[in-house]
C-alpha atoms as a PDB file:
ATOM      1  CA  ARG A   1     -35.728  -5.139  18.522  1.00  0.00           C
ATOM      2  CA  THR A   2     -32.662  -5.963  20.147  1.00  0.00           C
ATOM      3  CA  THR A   3     -31.215  -7.437  16.997  1.00  0.00           C
ATOM      4  CA  MET A   4     -32.220  -4.536  14.970  1.00  0.00           C
ATOM      5  CA  ALA A   5     -30.502  -1.992  17.469  1.00  0.00           C
ATOM      6  CA  ASN A   6     -27.245  -4.063  17.051  1.00  0.00           C
ATOM      7  CA  ILE A   7     -27.359  -4.034  13.565  1.00  0.00           C
ATOM      8  CA  LYS A   8     -28.088  -0.453  13.208  1.00  0.00           C
ATOM      9  CA  ASN A   9     -24.980   0.256  15.541  1.00  0.00           C
ATOM     10  CA  VAL A  10     -22.572  -2.028  13.509  1.00  0.00           C
ATOM     11  CA  VAL A  11     -23.600  -0.197  10.221  1.00  0.00           C
ATOM     12  CA  LYS A  12     -23.493   3.285  12.148  1.00  0.00           C
ATOM     13  CA  VAL A  13     -19.403   2.228  12.561  1.00  0.00           C
ATOM     14  CA  MET A  14     -18.926   0.893   9.132  1.00  0.00           C
ATOM     15  CA  ASN A  15     -20.286   4.656   7.908  1.00  0.00           C
ATOM     16  CA  PHE A  16     -18.271   6.549  10.388  1.00  0.00           C
ATOM     17  CA  HIS A  17     -15.043   4.298   9.550  1.00  0.00           C
ATOM     18  CA  SER A  18     -15.556   4.669   5.834  1.00  0.00           C
ATOM     19  CA  LEU A  19     -15.528   8.581   6.080  1.00  0.00           C
ATOM     20  CA  LEU A  20     -12.625   8.423   7.973  1.00  0.00           C
ATOM     21  CA  ARG A  21     -10.854   6.073   5.196  1.00  0.00           C
ATOM     22  CA  VAL A  22     -11.766   8.654   2.907  1.00  0.00           C
ATOM     23  CA  ASP A  23     -10.017  11.615   4.371  1.00  0.00           C
ATOM     24  CA  LYS A  24      -7.041   9.060   5.355  1.00  0.00           C
ATOM     25  CA  ALA A  25      -6.639   8.248   1.495  1.00  0.00           C
ATOM     26  CA  LYS A  26      -6.618  12.162   0.625  1.00  0.00           C
ATOM     27  CA  ARG A  27      -3.847  12.682   2.727  1.00  0.00           C
ATOM     28  CA  LYS A  28      -2.269   9.817   1.550  1.00  0.00           C
ATOM     29  CA  ALA A  29      -2.459  11.065  -2.392  1.00  0.00           C
ATOM     30  CA  ASP A  30      -1.649  14.542  -1.226  1.00  0.00           C
ATOM     31  CA  ASN A  31       1.948  13.220   0.189  1.00  0.00           C
ATOM     32  CA  TYR A  32       2.409  11.133  -2.693  1.00  0.00           C
ATOM     33  CA  LYS A  33       1.796  13.858  -5.157  1.00  0.00           C
ATOM     34  CA  ALA A  34       4.107  16.693  -3.658  1.00  0.00           C
ATOM     35  CA  LEU A  35       6.799  13.761  -3.918  1.00  0.00           C
ATOM     36  CA  GLU A  36       5.832  12.822  -7.525  1.00  0.00           C
ATOM     37  CA  GLU A  37       6.008  16.343  -8.494  1.00  0.00           C
ATOM     38  CA  GLU A  38      10.044  16.475  -7.287  1.00  0.00           C
ATOM     39  CA  ILE A  39      10.888  13.675  -8.969  1.00  0.00           C
ATOM     40  CA  LEU A  40       9.631  14.875 -12.252  1.00  0.00           C
ATOM     41  CA  SER A  41      11.174  18.084 -11.982  1.00  0.00           C
ATOM     42  CA  PHE A  42      14.445  16.394 -11.235  1.00  0.00           C
ATOM     43  CA  MET A  43      13.732  13.778 -14.321  1.00  0.00           C
ATOM     44  CA  ASN A  44      13.405  16.469 -16.424  1.00  0.00           C
ATOM     45  CA  LYS A  45      16.799  18.045 -15.405  1.00  0.00           C
ATOM     46  CA  VAL A  46      18.796  15.411 -15.640  1.00  0.00           C
ATOM     47  CA  LEU A  47      16.973  14.035 -19.134  1.00  0.00           C
ATOM     48  CA  ASN A  48      17.444  17.532 -20.993  1.00  0.00           C
ATOM     49  CA  ASN A  49      21.056  17.765 -19.274  1.00  0.00           C
ATOM     50  CA  LYS A  50      23.292  18.662 -22.046  1.00  0.00           C
ATOM     51  CA  ASN A  51      26.376  17.530 -19.774  1.00  0.00           C
ATOM     52  CA  LEU A  52      24.786  14.257 -19.420  1.00  0.00           C
ATOM     53  CA  ASN A  53      23.713  13.569 -22.889  1.00  0.00           C
ATOM     54  CA  LEU A  54      20.991  11.080 -21.968  1.00  0.00           C
ATOM     55  CA  ASP A  55      19.086   8.513 -24.060  1.00  0.00           C
ATOM     56  CA  LYS A  56      15.457   9.510 -24.407  1.00  0.00           C
ATOM     57  CA  ARG A  57      14.375   6.582 -25.557  1.00  0.00           C
ATOM     58  CA  LEU A  58      14.138   5.663 -21.532  1.00  0.00           C
ATOM     59  CA  ILE A  59      10.885   7.503 -21.494  1.00  0.00           C
ATOM     60  CA  THR A  60       9.753   6.654 -25.179  1.00  0.00           C
ATOM     61  CA  SER A  61       7.345   3.953 -25.898  1.00  0.00           C
ATOM     62  CA  LYS A  62       8.589   0.610 -28.320  1.00  0.00           C
ATOM     63  CA  PRO A  63       5.683   0.052 -30.626  1.00  0.00           C
ATOM     64  CA  ASP A  64       6.140  -3.699 -30.569  1.00  0.00           C
ATOM     65  CA  GLY A  65       6.654  -4.031 -26.951  1.00  0.00           C
ATOM     66  CA  LYS A  66       4.687  -5.193 -24.086  1.00  0.00           C
ATOM     67  CA  ILE A  67       1.689  -3.776 -22.505  1.00  0.00           C
ATOM     68  CA  VAL A  68       1.404  -3.842 -18.657  1.00  0.00           C
ATOM     69  CA  ASN A  69      -1.995  -3.079 -17.207  1.00  0.00           C
ATOM     70  CA  PHE A  70      -2.666  -2.594 -13.079  1.00  0.00           C
ATOM     71  CA  TYR A  71      -6.521  -3.335 -12.234  1.00  0.00           C
ATOM     72  CA  ILE A  72      -6.767  -1.781  -8.761  1.00  0.00           C
ATOM     73  CA  GLY A  73      -9.657  -3.432  -6.924  1.00  0.00           C
ATOM     74  CA  ASN A  74     -10.286  -3.660  -3.140  1.00  0.00           C
ATOM     75  CA  ASP A  75      -9.744  -6.340  -0.505  1.00  0.00           C
ATOM     76  CA  LEU A  76     -12.979  -5.397   1.903  1.00  0.00           C
ATOM     77  CA  GLY A  77     -16.441  -6.325   1.465  1.00  0.00           C
ATOM     78  CA  PHE A  78     -20.088  -4.799   0.935  1.00  0.00           C
ATOM     79  CA  CYS A  79     -18.500  -3.112  -2.151  1.00  0.00           C
ATOM     80  CA  GLY A  80     -19.389  -5.597  -4.818  1.00  0.00           C
ATOM     81  CA  ASN A  81     -19.778  -3.312  -8.052  1.00  0.00           C
ATOM     82  CA  PHE A  82     -16.650  -1.853  -7.333  1.00  0.00           C
ATOM     83  CA  ASN A  83     -14.825  -5.038  -8.009  1.00  0.00           C
ATOM     84  CA  SER A  84     -16.853  -6.066 -10.720  1.00  0.00           C
ATOM     85  CA  SER A  85     -16.053  -3.498 -13.490  1.00  0.00           C
ATOM     86  CA  VAL A  86     -12.684  -3.799 -12.701  1.00  0.00           C
ATOM     87  CA  LYS A  87     -12.803  -7.447 -13.032  1.00  0.00           C
ATOM     88  CA  HIS A  88     -14.531  -7.229 -16.389  1.00  0.00           C
ATOM     89  CA  VAL A  89     -11.898  -5.132 -17.876  1.00  0.00           C
ATOM     90  CA  ALA A  90      -8.874  -7.312 -16.653  1.00  0.00           C
ATOM     91  CA  GLU A  91     -10.940 -10.499 -18.221  1.00  0.00           C
ATOM     92  CA  GLU A  92     -11.757  -8.546 -21.345  1.00  0.00           C
ATOM     93  CA  ASP A  93      -7.930  -7.675 -22.291  1.00  0.00           C
ATOM     94  CA  LYS A  94      -5.956  -9.623 -24.053  1.00  0.00           C
ATOM     95  CA  GLY A  95      -2.368  -9.821 -24.870  1.00  0.00           C
ATOM     96  CA  VAL A  96      -1.138  -7.663 -21.868  1.00  0.00           C
ATOM     97  CA  ILE A  97       0.579  -8.126 -18.778  1.00  0.00           C
ATOM     98  CA  LYS A  98      -1.460  -8.067 -15.804  1.00  0.00           C
ATOM     99  CA  ILE A  99      -0.909  -7.056 -12.326  1.00  0.00           C
ATOM    100  CA  VAL A 100      -3.861  -7.355  -9.975  1.00  0.00           C
ATOM    101  CA  VAL A 101      -4.325  -5.162  -6.820  1.00  0.00           C
ATOM    102  CA  GLY A 102      -6.722  -6.335  -4.334  1.00  0.00           C
ATOM    103  CA  GLU A 103      -8.016  -9.930  -3.039  1.00  0.00           C
ATOM    104  CA  LYS A 104     -11.501  -9.738  -4.073  1.00  0.00           C
ATOM    105  CA  ILE A 105     -10.701  -9.708  -7.821  1.00  0.00           C
ATOM    106  CA  PHE A 106      -8.060 -12.614  -7.463  1.00  0.00           C
ATOM    107  CA  MET A 107      -7.444 -14.180 -11.051  1.00  0.00           C
ATOM    108  CA  ASN A 108      -5.864 -17.583 -11.609  1.00  0.00           C
ATOM    109  CA  LYS A 109      -4.558 -17.184 -15.287  1.00  0.00           C
ATOM    110  CA  ASP A 110      -1.729 -17.446 -17.437  1.00  0.00           C
ATOM    111  CA  ASP A 111      -1.403 -13.548 -18.309  1.00  0.00           C
ATOM    112  CA  VAL A 112      -1.562 -12.398 -14.587  1.00  0.00           C
ATOM    113  CA  ALA A 113       2.084 -11.797 -13.529  1.00  0.00           C
ATOM    114  CA  LEU A 114       0.898 -10.861 -10.021  1.00  0.00           C
ATOM    115  CA  ASN A 115      -2.044 -10.876  -7.879  1.00  0.00           C
ATOM    116  CA  ILE A 116      -1.269  -8.924  -4.835  1.00  0.00           C
ATOM    117  CA  ALA A 117      -3.155  -7.584  -2.058  1.00  0.00           C
ATOM    118  CA  LYS A 118      -3.415  -3.830  -1.260  1.00  0.00           C
ATOM    119  CA  GLU A 119      -1.566  -3.736   1.836  1.00  0.00           C
ATOM    120  CA  ASP A 120       1.130  -5.808   0.407  1.00  0.00           C
ATOM    121  CA  PHE A 121       1.055  -3.594  -2.704  1.00  0.00           C
ATOM    122  CA  TYR A 122       1.673  -0.647  -0.218  1.00  0.00           C
ATOM    123  CA  ASN A 123       4.201  -2.264   1.585  1.00  0.00           C
ATOM    124  CA  ASP A 124       6.140  -4.520  -0.603  1.00  0.00           C
ATOM    125  CA  PHE A 125       6.586  -2.757  -4.228  1.00  0.00           C
ATOM    126  CA  LYS A 126       9.335  -4.838  -5.126  1.00  0.00           C
ATOM    127  CA  LYS A 127       7.204  -7.606  -6.327  1.00  0.00           C
ATOM    128  CA  VAL A 128       6.009  -4.994  -9.047  1.00  0.00           C
ATOM    129  CA  GLU A 129       9.220  -4.014  -9.646  1.00  0.00           C
ATOM    130  CA  ASP A 130      10.795  -6.871 -10.151  1.00  0.00           C
ATOM    131  CA  ILE A 131       8.234  -7.365 -13.206  1.00  0.00           C
ATOM    132  CA  ILE A 132       8.187  -3.595 -14.774  1.00  0.00           C
ATOM    133  CA  LYS A 133      12.148  -2.999 -14.338  1.00  0.00           C
ATOM    134  CA  PRO A 134      13.614  -5.367 -16.640  1.00  0.00           C
ATOM    135  CA  LEU A 135      11.374  -4.211 -19.127  1.00  0.00           C
ATOM    136  CA  LEU A 136      11.989  -0.604 -18.819  1.00  0.00           C
ATOM    137  CA  ILE A 137      15.812  -1.176 -18.498  1.00  0.00           C
ATOM    138  CA  ASN A 138      15.816  -3.489 -21.638  1.00  0.00           C
ATOM    139  CA  ARG A 139      13.477  -0.936 -23.536  1.00  0.00           C
ATOM    140  CA  ARG A 140      10.537  -3.916 -24.260  1.00  0.00           C
ATOM    141  CA  ILE A 141       7.277  -1.470 -22.816  1.00  0.00           C
ATOM    142  CA  LYS A 142       4.885   0.076 -25.312  1.00  0.00           C
ATOM    143  CA  GLU A 143       2.948   1.248 -22.170  1.00  0.00           C
ATOM    144  CA  ILE A 144       1.886   0.963 -18.548  1.00  0.00           C
ATOM    145  CA  ASN A 145      -1.715   1.797 -17.537  1.00  0.00           C
ATOM    146  CA  ALA A 146      -3.861   1.506 -14.592  1.00  0.00           C
ATOM    147  CA  ILE A 147      -7.455   0.826 -14.552  1.00  0.00           C
ATOM    148  CA  PHE A 148      -9.221   1.745 -11.123  1.00  0.00           C
ATOM    149  CA  ASN A 149     -12.436   3.372  -9.955  1.00  0.00           C
ATOM    150  CA  ARG A 150     -11.310   7.340  -9.523  1.00  0.00           C
ATOM    151  CA  TYR A 151     -13.197   9.314  -6.972  1.00  0.00           C
ATOM    152  CA  TYR A 152     -13.955  12.620  -8.116  1.00  0.00           C
ATOM    153  CA  ASN A 153     -16.622  13.645  -5.423  1.00  0.00           C
ATOM    154  CA  VAL A 154     -19.262  11.638  -3.148  1.00  0.00           C
ATOM    155  CA  ASN A 155     -21.465  11.702  -6.278  1.00  0.00           C
ATOM    156  CA  ASN A 156     -18.972  11.177  -8.915  1.00  0.00           C
ATOM    157  CA  ILE A 157     -17.010   7.965  -9.067  1.00  0.00           C
ATOM    158  CA  LYS A 158     -15.949   6.336 -12.671  1.00  0.00           C
ATOM    159  CA  LEU A 159     -14.071   3.641 -13.835  1.00  0.00           C
ATOM    160  CA  GLU A 160     -10.832   4.895 -15.850  1.00  0.00           C
ATOM    161  CA  LYS A 161      -7.663   3.784 -17.417  1.00  0.00           C
ATOM    162  CA  LYS A 162      -4.763   6.201 -17.348  1.00  0.00           C
ATOM    163  CA  LYS A 163      -1.444   5.553 -18.618  1.00  0.00           C
ATOM    164  CA  LEU A 164       1.573   5.708 -16.868  1.00  0.00           C
ATOM    165  CA  PHE A 165       4.037   5.336 -19.550  1.00  0.00           C
ATOM    166  CA  PRO A 166       5.604   6.136 -22.014  1.00  0.00           C
ATOM    167  CA  LEU A 167       6.200  10.020 -20.458  1.00  0.00           C
ATOM    168  CA  GLU A 168       6.659  13.548 -21.897  1.00  0.00           C
ATOM    169  CA  PHE A 169       8.923  16.363 -20.741  1.00  0.00           C
ATOM    170  CA  ASP A 170       9.182  19.780 -21.815  1.00  0.00           C
ATOM    171  CA  ASP A 171      12.910  20.630 -22.707  1.00  0.00           C
ATOM    172  CA  SER A 172      11.976  24.179 -22.765  1.00  0.00           C
ATOM    173  CA  LYS A 173      11.679  24.067 -18.479  1.00  0.00           C
ATOM    174  CA  ASN A 174      15.262  22.997 -18.238  1.00  0.00           C
ATOM    175  CA  THR A 175      17.505  26.003 -17.225  1.00  0.00           C
ATOM    176  CA  GLU A 176      20.858  24.623 -15.961  1.00  0.00           C
ATOM    177  CA  ASP A 177      23.419  21.926 -16.670  1.00  0.00           C
ATOM    178  CA  PHE A 178      25.503  20.131 -14.312  1.00  0.00           C
ATOM    179  CA  VAL A 179      27.952  17.194 -13.840  1.00  0.00           C
ATOM    180  CA  ILE A 180      27.067  13.991 -11.251  1.00  0.00           C
ATOM    181  CA  GLU A 181      29.671  11.235 -10.824  1.00  0.00           C
ATOM    182  CA  THR A 182      27.221   8.080 -10.831  1.00  0.00           C
ATOM    183  CA  ASP A 183      25.742   6.640 -13.766  1.00  0.00           C
ATOM    184  CA  ALA A 184      22.832   8.893 -15.264  1.00  0.00           C
ATOM    185  CA  SER A 185      21.060   6.054 -17.261  1.00  0.00           C
ATOM    186  CA  SER A 186      21.079   3.978 -13.977  1.00  0.00           C
ATOM    187  CA  MET A 187      19.947   6.572 -11.854  1.00  0.00           C
ATOM    188  CA  PHE A 188      17.293   7.575 -14.092  1.00  0.00           C
ATOM    189  CA  GLU A 189      15.714   4.393 -14.403  1.00  0.00           C
ATOM    190  CA  ASP A 190      15.671   4.574 -10.957  1.00  0.00           C
ATOM    191  CA  LEU A 191      14.040   7.911 -10.862  1.00  0.00           C
ATOM    192  CA  LEU A 192      11.432   6.406 -13.617  1.00  0.00           C
ATOM    193  CA  LEU A 193      10.446   3.630 -11.130  1.00  0.00           C
ATOM    194  CA  LEU A 194       9.893   5.836  -8.065  1.00  0.00           C
ATOM    195  CA  TYR A 195       7.903   8.022 -10.388  1.00  0.00           C
ATOM    196  CA  ILE A 196       5.480   4.717 -11.415  1.00  0.00           C
ATOM    197  CA  GLU A 197       5.574   3.847  -7.687  1.00  0.00           C
ATOM    198  CA  CYS A 198       4.281   7.198  -6.694  1.00  0.00           C
ATOM    199  CA  GLU A 199       1.781   7.407  -9.686  1.00  0.00           C
ATOM    200  CA  LEU A 200       0.311   4.124  -8.345  1.00  0.00           C
ATOM    201  CA  GLN A 201      -0.006   4.611  -5.114  1.00  0.00           C
ATOM    202  CA  ILE A 202      -1.662   8.136  -5.509  1.00  0.00           C
ATOM    203  CA  ILE A 203      -4.276   5.805  -7.795  1.00  0.00           C
ATOM    204  CA  GLU A 204      -4.311   3.072  -5.177  1.00  0.00           C
ATOM    205  CA  SER A 205      -5.294   6.167  -2.718  1.00  0.00           C
ATOM    206  CA  ASN A 206      -7.752   7.509  -4.964  1.00  0.00           C
ATOM    207  CA  SER A 207      -9.408   4.194  -5.628  1.00  0.00           C
ATOM    208  CA  TRP A 208      -9.279   3.492  -1.731  1.00  0.00           C
ATOM    209  CA  ALA A 209     -11.333   6.944  -1.279  1.00  0.00           C
ATOM    210  CA  ALA A 210     -13.701   5.738  -4.235  1.00  0.00           C
ATOM    211  CA  GLU A 211     -14.105   2.198  -2.368  1.00  0.00           C
ATOM    212  CA  ASN A 212     -14.964   3.870   0.817  1.00  0.00           C
ATOM    213  CA  ILE A 213     -17.753   6.518  -0.450  1.00  0.00           C
ATOM    214  CA  MET A 214     -19.214   3.798  -2.099  1.00  0.00           C
ATOM    215  CA  ARG A 215     -19.330   1.605   1.049  1.00  0.00           C
ATOM    216  CA  GLN A 216     -20.331   4.949   2.604  1.00  0.00           C
ATOM    217  CA  ASN A 217     -23.058   5.428   0.505  1.00  0.00           C
ATOM    218  CA  LEU A 218     -24.079   1.765   1.024  1.00  0.00           C
ATOM    219  CA  THR A 219     -24.363   1.967   4.748  1.00  0.00           C
ATOM    220  CA  SER A 220     -25.890   5.396   4.643  1.00  0.00           C
ATOM    221  CA  GLU A 221     -28.709   3.723   2.506  1.00  0.00           C
ATOM    222  CA  SER A 222     -28.749   0.842   4.940  1.00  0.00           C
ATOM    223  CA  LEU A 223     -29.292   3.086   7.902  1.00  0.00           C
ATOM    224  CA  LYS A 224     -32.443   4.675   6.042  1.00  0.00           C
ATOM    225  CA  LYS A 225     -33.933   1.299   5.464  1.00  0.00           C
ATOM    226  CA  ILE A 226     -33.430   0.302   9.162  1.00  0.00           C
ATOM    227  CA  ASP A 227     -35.015   3.836  10.173  1.00  0.00           C
ATOM    228  CA  GLU A 228     -37.882   2.797   7.888  1.00  0.00           C
ATOM    229  CA  ILE A 229     -38.193  -0.860   9.303  1.00  0.00           C
ATOM    230  CA  GLU A 230     -38.227   0.569  12.734  1.00  0.00           C
ATOM    231  CA  GLU A 231     -40.521   3.318  11.866  1.00  0.00           C
ATOM    232  CA  GLU A 232     -43.212   1.049  10.220  1.00  0.00           C
ATOM    233  CA  LYS A 233     -42.692  -1.224  13.803  1.00  0.00           C
ATOM    234  CA  GLN A 234     -43.265   1.524  15.653  1.00  0.00           C
ATOM    235  CA  LYS A 235     -46.458   2.129  13.502  1.00  0.00           C
ATOM    236  CA  GLN A 236     -47.646  -1.383  13.940  1.00  0.00           C
ATOM    237  CA  VAL A 237     -47.208  -1.135  17.541  1.00  0.00           C
ATOM    238  CA  ARG A 238     -49.122   2.287  18.117  1.00  0.00           C
ATOM    239  CA  LYS A 239     -51.794   0.651  16.006  1.00  0.00           C
ATOM    240  CA  GLU A 240     -51.860  -2.205  18.143  1.00  0.00           C
ATOM    241  CA  LYS A 241     -52.170  -0.175  21.270  1.00  0.00           C
ATOM    242  CA  LYS A 242     -54.963   1.884  20.321  1.00  0.00           C
ATOM    243  CA  TYR A 243     -56.805  -1.484  18.690  1.00  0.00           C
ATOM    244  CA  GLN A 244     -56.486  -2.629  22.435  1.00  0.00           C
ATOM    245  CA  ALA A 245     -57.391   0.815  24.166  1.00  0.00           C
ATOM    246  CA  PHE A 246     -60.525   0.953  21.711  1.00  0.00           C
ATOM    247  CA  LYS A 247     -61.541  -3.105  22.852  1.00  0.00           C
ATOM    248  CA  LYS A 248     -61.402  -1.808  26.324  1.00  0.00           C
ATOM    249  CA  GLN A 249     -63.460   0.782  25.882  1.00  0.00           C
ATOM    250  CA  MET A 250     -66.237  -1.260  24.052  1.00  0.00           C
ATOM    251  CA  ALA A 251     -65.822  -3.717  26.807  1.00  0.00           C
ATOM    252  CA  ASN A 252     -66.172  -1.224  29.616  1.00  0.00           C
ATOM    253  CA  TYR A 253     -69.299   0.122  27.420  1.00  0.00           C
ATOM    254  CA  ARG A 254     -71.009  -3.331  27.086  1.00  0.00           C
ATOM    255  CA  LYS A 255     -70.285  -3.746  30.834  1.00  0.00           C
ATOM    256  CA  GLY A 256     -72.540  -0.376  31.670  1.00  0.00           C
ATOM    257  CA  ILE A 257     -75.172  -1.599  29.313  1.00  0.00           C
END
């Protein structure tokens, strides 16, 4: 019983921390979403600024260019199906540059440009930037996608593929033209990279929430199973006590005879 009680306490802690991580992931995604909207707004103004006359091929797809796919997994355990679905897509995709995020889906293959833990992905985006920046600057990208488990609510988590590049802007929303001293193309390239980073961080946050919802569901189910086991043991204990009491009564009855 002591062992079962210890296991139950550990699972309760895991369950609680999973819920906390979901809330933290939502706050992180909201922060990046606000930044992303500001970046998109400014990119639109720069791109459609008549004084700058920027080359709009910066945001367009090159038909015969490279495809870069991000596969977002997780680093923690107790969530096997979460990673297997992402890894399956990564293994099936051919002819693409693969960037795999999450230690649990580590893939040692020729078409994997980068395997990176989630913590490093969050803290050191330069490793990713070093791969995609030359391709963007030299107009060699057809598209950039992210494959991840999207969190909608506690009962709805789906494996999805989201396109991050190319981009489309509505030039009718631009209402002002201005002049800048720096190189507009170089600045726009940096903004484009920053936008992609924000998108990826939002996706990683959503994936993190999905992962912890799955873990929370698993731990909740485990707690139910533990309660069922404990209840069954209690039933056996009560049954045994009744049997012993009955044996004692019968022994006393025979003595009376």
